[in-house]
Amino acid sequence: MARLALMSVSDKTGLVEFARSLVEEFKFDLISSGGTAKVLQEAGLPVTKVSDYTGSPEILGGRVKTLHPRIHGGILARRDMPADMADLAAQDIRPIDLVVVNLYPFTATIARPDVFLAEAIEQIDIGGPAMLRASAKNYAHLTVLCQPSQYTPYLQELRQSSGEVALEFRQQAALRVFQYTGEYDQAISAYLLEQSAVDLGEQPEARDLSPNFTLTGQQLQPLRYGENPHQPAAWYQTGAIASGWAAATKLQGKELSYNNLVDLEAARRLIAEFVEPQTPPAAAILKHTNPCGAALGHTIAEAYEKAFNADPISAFGGIVVLSRPIDGPTALLLTKTFLECVVAPGCDPEAQEILAAKSKVRVLVLPDLAKGEDYTVKAIAGGFLAQTSDDQAVDPQAWTVATEKQPTPAQLEELLFAWKVCKHVKSNAIVVTRDRATLGVGAGQMNRIGSVKLALEQAGEKAQAAILASDGFFPFDDSVRMAAAAGIQAIVQPGGSLRDQDSIIAANELGIVMMLTGTRHFLH
């Protein structure tokens, strides 16, 4: 008897060619449901509709069509168990040798901005996951394929093994099914969780993390290595629809590395603070996820030049992120030093031609630099940690002036700029700025005054009349006194120390403005 293949797919890429090979080369019989059967019939291929095979019509507008013993019996029967085969014979059920199923496009549907909840619900597949999971469970006796990319390898397997399929191939295909259905279920649960938050009038980012947190991804590409050459690494995409860096366009340059991608994400998070239309053009240069320079300017070229001049030595081999498309003048400046990557929401043709002279520089276009994940995840031994992203809006009107001296409007603007940059520097973090450009950055020191010292030393004489931001409170007044001695005029910090008053007294004594934000921004 000919082998039997069940085909029911939403994504019909390569379907007809694959089915034709099954029928003509390997003598398979085909059974299919709904639209899949129609496509195969129109291609002139012999196919039996599932409803004809089961003797039961599709009902409920197509919601029920493959949930039938003749389908699931043929999938789940164990060929090496006489009792199972006797049941099939008694019910006139043929064993199914190949199941080809992919699911309703739920993620593509919810990606549309105009989608309604009821429409999304109709894209939750029921029969498809049931067939996939049943087939994957019984991989010892049949093959299950859930993606068009598996068609060619399956045919190659048949050709090189005289029409047989190795157990290892079937097992790997089954593993992919469970990954695939897991990703599908995660997308549904995440969407419904978000919808429930909206229905309750909550912001999605304000909701509690789910008791069951699932993170799955499909490998986009293997990377040459991880942080170091001895560490294997790969890049994964979450969800079926490419988004974030997976959706970025690389205009030129070498393949992205693990460290490039980590730095690029840190750069995106920083520049996301400055992408509002009313904000002047912004630029930042990062090394090892820390900004070595960040600035605002009247033009994107001016912003980049100010960011570069903040620390030209560290900028060498850096990651550049721009809040505006790259234009000709900016491209000329970018070619004057060695850079690893440049990312912007766009790139003018003139700029692209200029940058082509530096062909090894990775130039990426990511139109929506503000859109990131609602959470961050870090692996630890035996599990992982998840937290909502530190992306809350900054409102200086909610800050407290802790000192007798009040900030001027210009100082308040500068304090806001310094605070936004400081948020993206590794703790302990100190940032010194003036004219909305960084002058000195102290990052990742084991004590706060060490970071203050580094930032002020880098700023040098430019610290006169500058602003200082700290991501955490001052446990003592020594940082305030050191800042005043260097010429700092105003400080912004979260407050919250038991000894806040010591720092406030010192600021009043030295004539410094001190603002307390009430919000800390540690970054580890």
Protein backbone atom coordinates (compact mmCIF):
# COMPACT_ATOMS: atom_id res chain seq x y z
CA MET A 1 0.00 0.00 0.00
CA ALA A 2 1.20 3.51 -0.80
CA ARG A 3 2.42 5.65 2.04
CA LEU A 4 0.06 8.36 3.27
CA ALA A 5 0.92 12.04 3.81
CA LEU A 6 -1.36 14.47 5.64
CA MET A 7 -0.85 18.09 4.56
CA SER A 8 -2.56 21.08 6.19
CA VAL A 9 -0.58 24.30 6.02
CA SER A 10 -1.18 28.01 6.41
CA ASP A 11 2.19 28.93 4.86
CA LYS A 12 2.04 27.35 1.40
CA THR A 13 5.59 28.27 0.39
CA GLY A 14 7.03 25.40 -1.68
CA LEU A 15 3.99 23.24 -1.00
CA VAL A 16 3.08 22.26 -4.57
CA GLU A 17 6.66 21.36 -5.57
CA PHE A 18 7.11 19.31 -2.40
CA ALA A 19 3.80 17.47 -2.81
CA ARG A 20 4.58 16.76 -6.47
CA SER A 21 7.86 15.08 -5.48
CA LEU A 22 6.08 13.02 -2.84
CA VAL A 23 3.48 11.80 -5.33
CA GLU A 24 5.55 11.32 -8.47
CA GLU A 25 8.89 10.25 -7.02
CA PHE A 26 7.89 8.39 -3.86
CA LYS A 27 4.28 7.35 -4.65
CA PHE A 28 2.63 8.96 -1.61
CA ASP A 29 -1.12 9.35 -1.33
CA LEU A 30 -2.20 12.78 -0.10
CA ILE A 31 -4.98 13.87 2.23
CA SER A 32 -5.47 17.55 2.92
CA SER A 33 -7.89 19.97 4.51
CA GLY A 34 -9.53 23.18 3.29
CA GLY A 35 -7.30 25.61 1.46
CA THR A 36 -4.38 23.19 1.24
CA ALA A 37 -6.48 20.66 -0.67
CA LYS A 38 -7.69 23.38 -3.02
CA VAL A 39 -4.14 24.49 -3.87
CA LEU A 40 -3.04 20.92 -4.54
CA GLN A 41 -6.10 20.20 -6.69
CA GLU A 42 -5.55 23.35 -8.74
CA ALA A 43 -1.97 22.16 -9.33
CA GLY A 44 -3.35 18.92 -10.79
CA LEU A 45 -2.22 16.70 -7.92
CA PRO A 46 -4.38 13.79 -6.68
CA VAL A 47 -5.56 14.63 -3.18
CA THR A 48 -8.35 13.40 -0.89
CA LYS A 49 -10.06 15.98 1.27
CA VAL A 50 -9.94 15.28 4.98
CA SER A 51 -13.73 15.53 5.16
CA ASP A 52 -14.06 12.79 2.50
CA TYR A 53 -11.46 10.62 4.25
CA THR A 54 -13.09 10.91 7.68
CA GLY A 55 -16.69 10.93 6.44
CA SER A 56 -17.30 13.99 8.61
CA PRO A 57 -17.78 17.45 7.08
CA GLU A 58 -15.92 20.50 8.31
CA ILE A 59 -18.14 22.25 10.85
CA LEU A 60 -18.28 25.50 12.82
CA GLY A 61 -16.94 27.50 9.91
CA GLY A 62 -13.83 25.33 9.65
CA ARG A 63 -13.03 25.32 13.37
CA VAL A 64 -13.42 21.52 13.41
CA LYS A 65 -12.04 19.49 10.54
CA THR A 66 -9.05 17.34 11.56
CA LEU A 67 -10.10 16.46 15.13
CA HIS A 68 -11.21 12.94 14.22
CA PRO A 69 -10.15 9.34 15.17
CA ARG A 70 -9.30 8.49 11.53
CA ILE A 71 -6.74 11.32 11.61
CA HIS A 72 -5.32 10.97 15.10
CA GLY A 73 -5.51 7.20 15.08
CA GLY A 74 -3.43 7.12 11.90
CA ILE A 75 -0.92 9.49 13.51
CA LEU A 76 -0.62 7.94 16.99
CA ALA A 77 -0.64 4.23 16.10
CA ARG A 78 2.51 2.39 17.17
CA ARG A 79 3.48 0.21 14.23
CA ASP A 80 5.34 -2.29 16.44
CA MET A 81 2.30 -2.94 18.68
CA PRO A 82 -0.12 -5.54 17.25
CA ALA A 83 -3.00 -4.17 19.35
CA ASP A 84 -2.61 -0.69 17.83
CA MET A 85 -2.47 -2.09 14.30
CA ALA A 86 -5.50 -4.28 14.98
CA ASP A 87 -7.43 -1.18 16.09
CA LEU A 88 -6.54 0.57 12.84
CA ALA A 89 -7.67 -2.43 10.80
CA ALA A 90 -10.94 -2.70 12.71
CA GLN A 91 -11.74 0.97 12.10
CA ASP A 92 -10.46 1.01 8.50
CA ILE A 93 -7.82 3.62 9.41
CA ARG A 94 -4.64 3.98 7.37
CA PRO A 95 -1.39 4.70 9.23
CA ILE A 96 -0.03 8.13 8.33
CA ASP A 97 3.66 8.22 7.43
CA LEU A 98 4.18 11.96 7.00
CA VAL A 99 2.45 14.94 8.63
CA VAL A 100 3.07 18.37 7.11
CA VAL A 101 1.41 21.09 9.20
CA ASN A 102 2.07 24.71 10.04
CA LEU A 103 -0.21 26.96 12.03
CA TYR A 104 -2.52 29.90 11.53
CA PRO A 105 -0.53 33.16 11.30
CA PHE A 106 -1.28 34.38 14.82
CA THR A 107 1.88 36.50 15.25
CA ALA A 108 1.48 38.11 11.82
CA THR A 109 -2.13 38.94 12.67
CA ILE A 110 -1.42 40.59 16.02
CA ALA A 111 1.48 42.53 14.49
CA ARG A 112 -1.07 44.59 12.53
CA PRO A 113 -1.93 47.84 14.32
CA ASP A 114 -5.62 47.59 13.34
CA VAL A 115 -6.25 44.05 14.59
CA PHE A 116 -9.19 43.41 16.93
CA LEU A 117 -9.17 40.89 19.76
CA ALA A 118 -11.91 38.79 18.12
CA GLU A 119 -9.88 38.55 14.90
CA ALA A 120 -6.79 37.51 16.83
CA ILE A 121 -8.75 34.82 18.67
CA GLU A 122 -9.82 33.27 15.35
CA GLN A 123 -6.14 32.88 14.46
CA ILE A 124 -5.53 30.58 17.43
CA ASP A 125 -5.06 27.19 15.77
CA ILE A 126 -6.53 24.14 17.53
CA GLY A 127 -6.37 21.20 15.15
CA GLY A 128 -2.90 22.11 13.90
CA PRO A 129 -1.11 21.96 17.28
CA ALA A 130 -3.01 18.75 18.12
CA MET A 131 -1.75 17.06 14.94
CA LEU A 132 1.77 18.40 15.38
CA ARG A 133 2.10 17.30 18.99
CA ALA A 134 0.58 13.88 18.29
CA SER A 135 2.98 13.38 15.39
CA ALA A 136 6.00 14.56 17.36
CA LYS A 137 5.07 12.22 20.21
CA ASN A 138 5.03 9.30 17.76
CA TYR A 139 8.23 10.27 15.90
CA ALA A 140 9.45 6.68 16.26
CA HIS A 141 6.94 5.72 13.56
CA LEU A 142 6.44 8.76 11.31
CA THR A 143 7.91 12.10 10.29
CA VAL A 144 6.43 15.51 11.07
CA LEU A 145 7.41 18.74 9.30
CA CYS A 146 6.28 22.16 10.51
CA GLN A 147 8.28 24.52 8.28
CA PRO A 148 8.79 24.79 4.50
CA SER A 149 12.57 24.89 5.07
CA GLN A 150 12.34 21.21 6.08
CA TYR A 151 10.93 20.02 2.74
CA THR A 152 14.22 19.78 0.86
CA PRO A 153 16.12 18.01 3.68
CA TYR A 154 13.26 15.49 3.96
CA LEU A 155 13.37 14.72 0.24
CA GLN A 156 17.15 14.39 0.41
CA GLU A 157 16.74 11.96 3.30
CA LEU A 158 14.35 9.83 1.23
CA ARG A 159 16.63 9.89 -1.81
CA GLN A 160 19.81 8.92 -0.03
CA SER A 161 18.18 6.19 2.09
CA SER A 162 16.11 4.34 -0.51
CA GLY A 163 12.89 5.99 0.56
CA GLU A 164 13.47 5.59 4.29
CA VAL A 165 13.87 8.28 6.94
CA ALA A 166 16.44 7.85 9.70
CA LEU A 167 15.26 7.86 13.32
CA GLU A 168 17.64 10.72 14.10
CA PHE A 169 16.03 12.87 11.40
CA ARG A 170 12.55 12.11 12.74
CA GLN A 171 13.64 12.90 16.29
CA GLN A 172 15.14 16.27 15.31
CA ALA A 173 11.97 17.11 13.36
CA ALA A 174 9.88 16.25 16.43
CA LEU A 175 12.06 18.48 18.61
CA ARG A 176 11.48 21.37 16.22
CA VAL A 177 7.72 20.79 16.48
CA PHE A 178 7.72 21.17 20.25
CA GLN A 179 9.85 24.31 19.95
CA TYR A 180 7.50 25.66 17.28
CA THR A 181 4.30 24.99 19.22
CA GLY A 182 5.93 26.37 22.36
CA GLU A 183 6.74 29.64 20.57
CA TYR A 184 3.18 29.75 19.26
CA ASP A 185 1.66 29.26 22.70
CA GLN A 186 3.99 31.87 24.17
CA ALA A 187 2.88 34.43 21.57
CA ILE A 188 -0.76 33.75 22.41
CA SER A 189 -0.28 33.96 26.18
CA ALA A 190 1.79 37.16 25.90
CA TYR A 191 -0.83 38.79 23.69
CA LEU A 192 -3.74 37.82 25.93
CA LEU A 193 -1.81 39.00 29.01
CA GLU A 194 -1.26 42.34 27.32
CA GLN A 195 -4.91 42.55 26.31
CA SER A 196 -6.04 41.83 29.86
CA ALA A 197 -3.81 44.65 31.11
CA VAL A 198 -5.32 47.02 28.54
CA ASP A 199 -8.85 45.95 29.52
CA LEU A 200 -8.02 46.76 33.14
CA GLY A 201 -6.71 50.18 32.17
CA GLU A 202 -3.10 49.29 33.02
CA GLN A 203 0.00 49.99 31.02
CA PRO A 204 1.44 46.65 29.78
CA GLU A 205 4.88 47.52 31.20
CA ALA A 206 3.36 48.09 34.64
CA ARG A 207 1.96 44.59 35.01
CA ASP A 208 3.54 41.97 37.22
CA LEU A 209 5.77 39.39 35.59
CA SER A 210 3.92 36.15 34.94
CA PRO A 211 4.48 33.24 37.38
CA ASN A 212 5.49 31.19 34.32
CA PHE A 213 7.95 33.08 32.14
CA THR A 214 8.76 31.40 28.83
CA LEU A 215 11.48 32.62 26.50
CA THR A 216 11.94 30.85 23.18
CA GLY A 217 13.69 31.83 20.01
CA GLN A 218 14.60 30.66 16.54
CA GLN A 219 18.24 30.84 15.54
CA LEU A 220 18.84 33.62 13.04
CA GLN A 221 22.49 32.76 12.57
CA PRO A 222 25.46 31.27 14.39
CA LEU A 223 28.02 33.87 15.45
CA ARG A 224 31.77 33.43 15.05
CA TYR A 225 32.06 33.33 18.83
CA GLY A 226 30.73 34.99 21.97
CA GLU A 227 32.47 37.52 24.19
CA ASN A 228 35.71 35.58 23.63
CA PRO A 229 36.93 33.25 20.86
CA HIS A 230 36.59 30.12 23.03
CA GLN A 231 32.86 30.73 23.64
CA PRO A 232 30.38 29.41 21.01
CA ALA A 233 27.45 31.79 20.39
CA ALA A 234 24.36 32.24 18.24
CA TRP A 235 21.78 34.95 17.56
CA TYR A 236 18.12 34.08 18.15
CA GLN A 237 14.90 35.83 17.15
CA THR A 238 11.89 35.77 19.46
CA GLY A 239 8.54 35.54 17.70
CA ALA A 240 7.75 34.68 14.11
CA ILE A 241 7.89 38.29 12.90
CA ALA A 242 11.36 39.85 12.67
CA SER A 243 11.61 42.88 14.94
CA GLY A 244 14.30 44.94 16.63
CA TRP A 245 17.79 44.13 15.41
CA ALA A 246 16.48 41.18 13.39
CA ALA A 247 14.53 43.73 11.31
CA ALA A 248 17.42 46.18 10.92
CA THR A 249 18.91 46.70 7.45
CA LYS A 250 22.68 46.32 7.21
CA LEU A 251 23.85 48.59 4.42
CA GLN A 252 27.49 47.52 4.51
CA GLY A 253 30.23 45.98 6.60
CA LYS A 254 31.29 42.69 8.10
CA GLU A 255 29.00 40.26 9.88
CA LEU A 256 27.82 41.41 13.28
CA SER A 257 29.54 39.80 16.26
CA TYR A 258 28.17 38.91 19.69
CA ASN A 259 29.87 41.95 21.23
CA ASN A 260 28.61 44.20 18.41
CA LEU A 261 25.03 43.18 19.10
CA VAL A 262 25.37 43.66 22.86
CA ASP A 263 26.87 47.12 22.31
CA LEU A 264 24.26 48.02 19.70
CA GLU A 265 21.43 47.22 22.09
CA ALA A 266 23.04 49.37 24.81
CA ALA A 267 23.35 52.16 22.23
CA ARG A 268 19.71 51.79 21.18
CA ARG A 269 18.53 52.04 24.77
CA LEU A 270 20.52 55.20 25.34
CA ILE A 271 19.43 56.99 22.17
CA ALA A 272 15.81 56.02 22.88
CA GLU A 273 15.94 58.74 25.56
CA PHE A 274 16.34 61.37 22.82
CA VAL A 275 14.14 60.36 19.89
CA GLU A 276 11.09 62.52 20.59
CA PRO A 277 10.42 64.94 17.69
CA GLN A 278 10.90 67.98 19.94
CA THR A 279 14.32 66.78 21.12
CA PRO A 280 17.36 68.16 19.24
CA PRO A 281 19.45 65.68 17.22
CA ALA A 282 21.39 63.32 19.49
CA ALA A 283 24.48 61.16 19.07
CA ALA A 284 26.34 58.75 21.32
CA ILE A 285 29.50 56.68 21.03
CA LEU A 286 29.75 53.54 23.16
CA LYS A 287 32.52 51.13 24.12
CA HIS A 288 31.79 47.94 26.06
CA THR A 289 28.17 49.13 26.55
CA ASN A 290 29.23 52.37 28.27
CA PRO A 291 28.92 55.77 26.57
CA CYS A 292 32.28 57.44 26.14
CA GLY A 293 30.54 60.42 24.56
CA ALA A 294 26.96 61.62 24.17
CA ALA A 295 25.62 64.96 22.99
CA LEU A 296 22.77 66.97 21.54
CA GLY A 297 23.32 69.42 18.68
CA HIS A 298 21.55 71.72 16.26
CA THR A 299 22.32 69.17 13.53
CA ILE A 300 23.14 65.48 13.67
CA ALA A 301 26.67 66.29 12.47
CA GLU A 302 27.16 68.74 15.33
CA ALA A 303 25.80 66.23 17.84
CA TYR A 304 28.21 63.55 16.60
CA GLU A 305 31.18 65.93 16.63
CA LYS A 306 30.43 66.96 20.22
CA ALA A 307 30.07 63.32 21.28
CA PHE A 308 33.34 62.41 19.55
CA ASN A 309 35.26 65.30 21.11
CA ALA A 310 34.10 64.24 24.57
CA ASP A 311 36.59 61.34 24.45
CA PRO A 312 38.32 60.92 21.07
CA ILE A 313 40.67 58.22 22.37
CA SER A 314 37.87 55.95 23.59
CA ALA A 315 35.79 56.67 20.46
CA PHE A 316 38.33 54.71 18.36
CA GLY A 317 36.68 51.38 17.51
CA GLY A 318 33.39 52.49 19.06
CA ILE A 319 29.71 51.99 18.33
CA VAL A 320 27.96 55.14 17.06
CA VAL A 321 24.22 55.67 17.39
CA LEU A 322 22.39 58.65 15.89
CA SER A 323 18.83 59.81 16.50
CA ARG A 324 18.51 61.23 12.98
CA PRO A 325 19.30 59.79 9.53
CA ILE A 326 22.92 59.97 8.46
CA ASP A 327 23.51 62.87 6.06
CA GLY A 328 26.54 63.82 3.97
CA PRO A 329 28.30 66.07 6.54
CA THR A 330 27.86 63.46 9.26
CA ALA A 331 29.13 60.67 6.99
CA LEU A 332 32.31 62.67 6.30
CA LEU A 333 32.94 62.99 10.03
CA LEU A 334 32.27 59.28 10.57
CA THR A 335 34.96 58.31 8.06
CA LYS A 336 37.69 60.19 9.95
CA THR A 337 38.17 57.50 12.57
CA PHE A 338 37.91 53.73 12.86
CA LEU A 339 34.45 52.64 14.03
CA GLU A 340 32.94 49.19 14.52
CA CYS A 341 29.29 50.04 13.86
CA VAL A 342 27.06 52.98 13.02
CA VAL A 343 23.30 52.79 13.50
CA ALA A 344 20.68 55.40 12.64
CA PRO A 345 17.00 55.54 11.66
CA GLY A 346 18.01 56.22 8.05
CA CYS A 347 20.89 56.96 5.70
CA ASP A 348 20.85 59.46 2.81
CA PRO A 349 22.15 58.25 -0.59
CA GLU A 350 24.99 60.82 -0.39
CA ALA A 351 25.97 59.53 3.04
CA GLN A 352 25.83 55.92 1.89
CA GLU A 353 28.20 56.71 -0.98
CA ILE A 354 30.64 58.43 1.38
CA LEU A 355 30.55 55.62 3.95
CA ALA A 356 31.24 53.05 1.23
CA ALA A 357 34.87 54.18 1.35
CA LYS A 358 35.02 52.53 4.79
CA SER A 359 33.62 49.21 3.60
CA LYS A 360 34.43 47.30 6.81
CA VAL A 361 32.36 49.60 8.99
CA ARG A 362 29.00 48.03 9.77
CA VAL A 363 26.28 50.55 8.88
CA LEU A 364 22.77 49.65 10.02
CA VAL A 365 19.40 51.30 9.59
CA LEU A 366 16.86 50.73 12.37
CA PRO A 367 13.88 53.04 11.78
CA ASP A 368 12.36 52.65 15.25
CA LEU A 369 15.21 53.10 17.71
CA ALA A 370 12.79 53.54 20.61
CA LYS A 371 11.08 50.16 20.35
CA GLY A 372 12.61 47.53 22.62
CA GLU A 373 11.51 44.68 24.86
CA ASP A 374 9.29 45.17 27.90
CA TYR A 375 11.70 43.10 29.99
CA THR A 376 15.33 42.07 30.40
CA VAL A 377 16.56 38.56 31.20
CA LYS A 378 19.84 37.33 32.70
CA ALA A 379 20.86 33.71 33.17
CA ILE A 380 22.08 32.48 36.55
CA ALA A 381 23.00 28.97 37.71
CA GLY A 382 19.83 26.91 37.79
CA GLY A 383 17.56 29.52 36.23
CA PHE A 384 17.29 33.11 35.13
CA LEU A 385 16.19 36.53 36.35
CA ALA A 386 13.63 38.69 34.57
CA GLN A 387 12.68 42.29 35.18
CA THR A 388 10.68 44.96 33.43
CA SER A 389 12.82 47.31 31.37
CA ASP A 390 14.09 50.54 32.95
CA ASP A 391 12.30 52.70 30.41
CA GLN A 392 9.97 54.87 32.47
CA ALA A 393 9.55 58.45 31.30
CA VAL A 394 11.57 61.10 33.14
CA ASP A 395 9.59 64.01 34.62
CA PRO A 396 11.82 66.76 36.09
CA GLN A 397 8.71 68.41 37.52
CA ALA A 398 8.54 65.51 39.98
CA TRP A 399 12.10 66.12 41.18
CA THR A 400 12.82 67.87 44.48
CA VAL A 401 15.16 70.84 44.88
CA ALA A 402 17.02 69.82 48.04
CA THR A 403 19.17 72.93 48.38
CA GLU A 404 18.60 76.59 49.08
CA LYS A 405 19.95 77.47 45.66
CA GLN A 406 17.43 76.90 42.88
CA PRO A 407 18.32 75.65 39.38
CA THR A 408 18.01 78.01 36.43
CA PRO A 409 15.94 76.80 33.44
CA ALA A 410 19.20 76.19 31.54
CA GLN A 411 20.64 74.19 34.42
CA LEU A 412 17.45 72.14 34.66
CA GLU A 413 17.72 71.22 30.96
CA GLU A 414 21.35 70.23 31.47
CA LEU A 415 20.52 68.21 34.58
CA LEU A 416 17.87 66.32 32.63
CA PHE A 417 20.34 65.54 29.83
CA ALA A 418 23.00 64.34 32.29
CA TRP A 419 20.46 62.21 34.18
CA LYS A 420 19.25 60.49 31.00
CA VAL A 421 22.81 59.63 29.95
CA CYS A 422 23.83 58.51 33.45
CA LYS A 423 20.99 55.99 33.44
CA HIS A 424 22.85 54.06 30.71
CA VAL A 425 26.29 53.98 32.37
CA LYS A 426 27.31 50.91 34.39
CA SER A 427 27.06 51.41 38.16
CA ASN A 428 28.56 53.08 40.04
CA ALA A 429 27.85 55.74 37.42
CA ILE A 430 28.84 59.39 37.33
CA VAL A 431 28.40 61.70 34.32
CA VAL A 432 29.70 65.27 33.97
CA THR A 433 28.13 67.40 31.21
CA ARG A 434 27.99 70.94 29.88
CA ASP A 435 26.25 72.40 26.82
CA ARG A 436 24.41 69.05 26.62
CA ALA A 437 27.51 67.05 25.90
CA THR A 438 29.39 64.66 28.16
CA LEU A 439 32.74 65.87 29.49
CA GLY A 440 33.58 62.96 31.76
CA VAL A 441 32.17 59.51 32.56
CA GLY A 442 32.97 57.37 35.57
CA ALA A 443 31.63 53.85 35.12
CA GLY A 444 31.56 50.58 37.02
CA GLN A 445 33.79 51.51 39.94
CA MET A 446 33.60 49.66 43.23
CA ASN A 447 32.90 52.87 45.15
CA ARG A 448 31.05 55.99 44.09
CA ILE A 449 33.78 58.48 44.87
CA GLY A 450 36.06 56.48 42.58
CA SER A 451 33.63 57.09 39.71
CA VAL A 452 33.39 60.79 40.66
CA LYS A 453 37.17 61.08 40.56
CA LEU A 454 37.39 59.41 37.14
CA ALA A 455 34.66 61.59 35.61
CA LEU A 456 36.13 64.83 36.98
CA GLU A 457 39.67 63.93 35.91
CA GLN A 458 38.43 63.26 32.38
CA ALA A 459 36.49 66.55 32.32
CA GLY A 460 39.50 68.49 33.63
CA GLU A 461 39.17 72.27 33.44
CA LYS A 462 35.94 71.88 31.46
CA ALA A 463 34.22 70.84 34.70
CA GLN A 464 34.00 74.53 35.60
CA ALA A 465 30.29 75.49 35.62
CA ALA A 466 29.35 71.92 34.57
CA ILE A 467 26.67 69.51 35.81
CA LEU A 468 27.16 66.18 37.58
CA ALA A 469 24.71 63.26 37.62
CA SER A 470 24.89 60.16 39.82
CA ASP A 471 22.83 57.01 39.26
CA GLY A 472 22.74 56.28 43.02
CA PHE A 473 22.72 58.31 46.22
CA PHE A 474 25.80 59.70 47.97
CA PRO A 475 26.43 57.85 51.24
CA PHE A 476 28.80 60.62 52.36
CA ASP A 477 29.43 64.26 51.50
CA ASP A 478 32.91 63.58 50.06
CA SER A 479 31.62 63.29 46.46
CA VAL A 480 29.83 66.64 46.75
CA ARG A 481 32.94 68.37 48.07
CA MET A 482 35.13 66.87 45.35
CA ALA A 483 32.63 67.99 42.70
CA ALA A 484 32.52 71.54 44.08
CA ALA A 485 36.33 71.74 44.14
CA ALA A 486 36.35 70.88 40.41
CA GLY A 487 33.85 73.64 39.60
CA ILE A 488 30.57 71.69 39.36
CA GLN A 489 27.56 74.00 39.76
CA ALA A 490 24.67 71.54 40.05
CA ILE A 491 24.14 67.89 40.93
CA VAL A 492 21.29 65.50 40.24
CA GLN A 493 21.04 62.25 42.19
CA PRO A 494 18.22 59.97 43.41
CA GLY A 495 18.57 60.59 47.12
CA GLY A 496 17.46 57.99 49.64
CA SER A 497 20.57 57.66 51.79
CA LEU A 498 20.27 57.75 55.56
CA ARG A 499 22.89 60.51 55.31
CA ASP A 500 21.28 62.57 52.55
CA GLN A 501 21.34 65.56 54.85
CA ASP A 502 25.16 65.49 55.00
CA SER A 503 25.33 65.91 51.20
CA ILE A 504 22.64 68.58 51.21
CA ILE A 505 24.40 70.58 53.95
CA ALA A 506 27.66 70.39 51.98
CA ALA A 507 25.90 71.54 48.79
CA ASN A 508 24.35 74.51 50.61
CA GLU A 509 27.69 75.39 52.17
CA LEU A 510 29.40 75.30 48.76
CA GLY A 511 26.64 77.06 46.80
CA ILE A 512 25.74 74.05 44.64
CA VAL A 513 22.27 73.19 43.34
CA MET A 514 21.18 69.67 44.26
CA MET A 515 18.17 67.93 42.73
CA LEU A 516 16.75 64.65 44.07
CA THR A 517 14.90 62.51 41.53
CA GLY A 518 13.55 59.86 43.92
CA THR A 519 14.40 57.19 41.34
CA ARG A 520 17.59 55.15 41.16
CA HIS A 521 19.05 53.76 37.92
CA PHE A 522 21.56 51.03 38.78
CA LEU A 523 22.82 49.16 35.72
CA HIS A 524 24.73 45.93 36.25
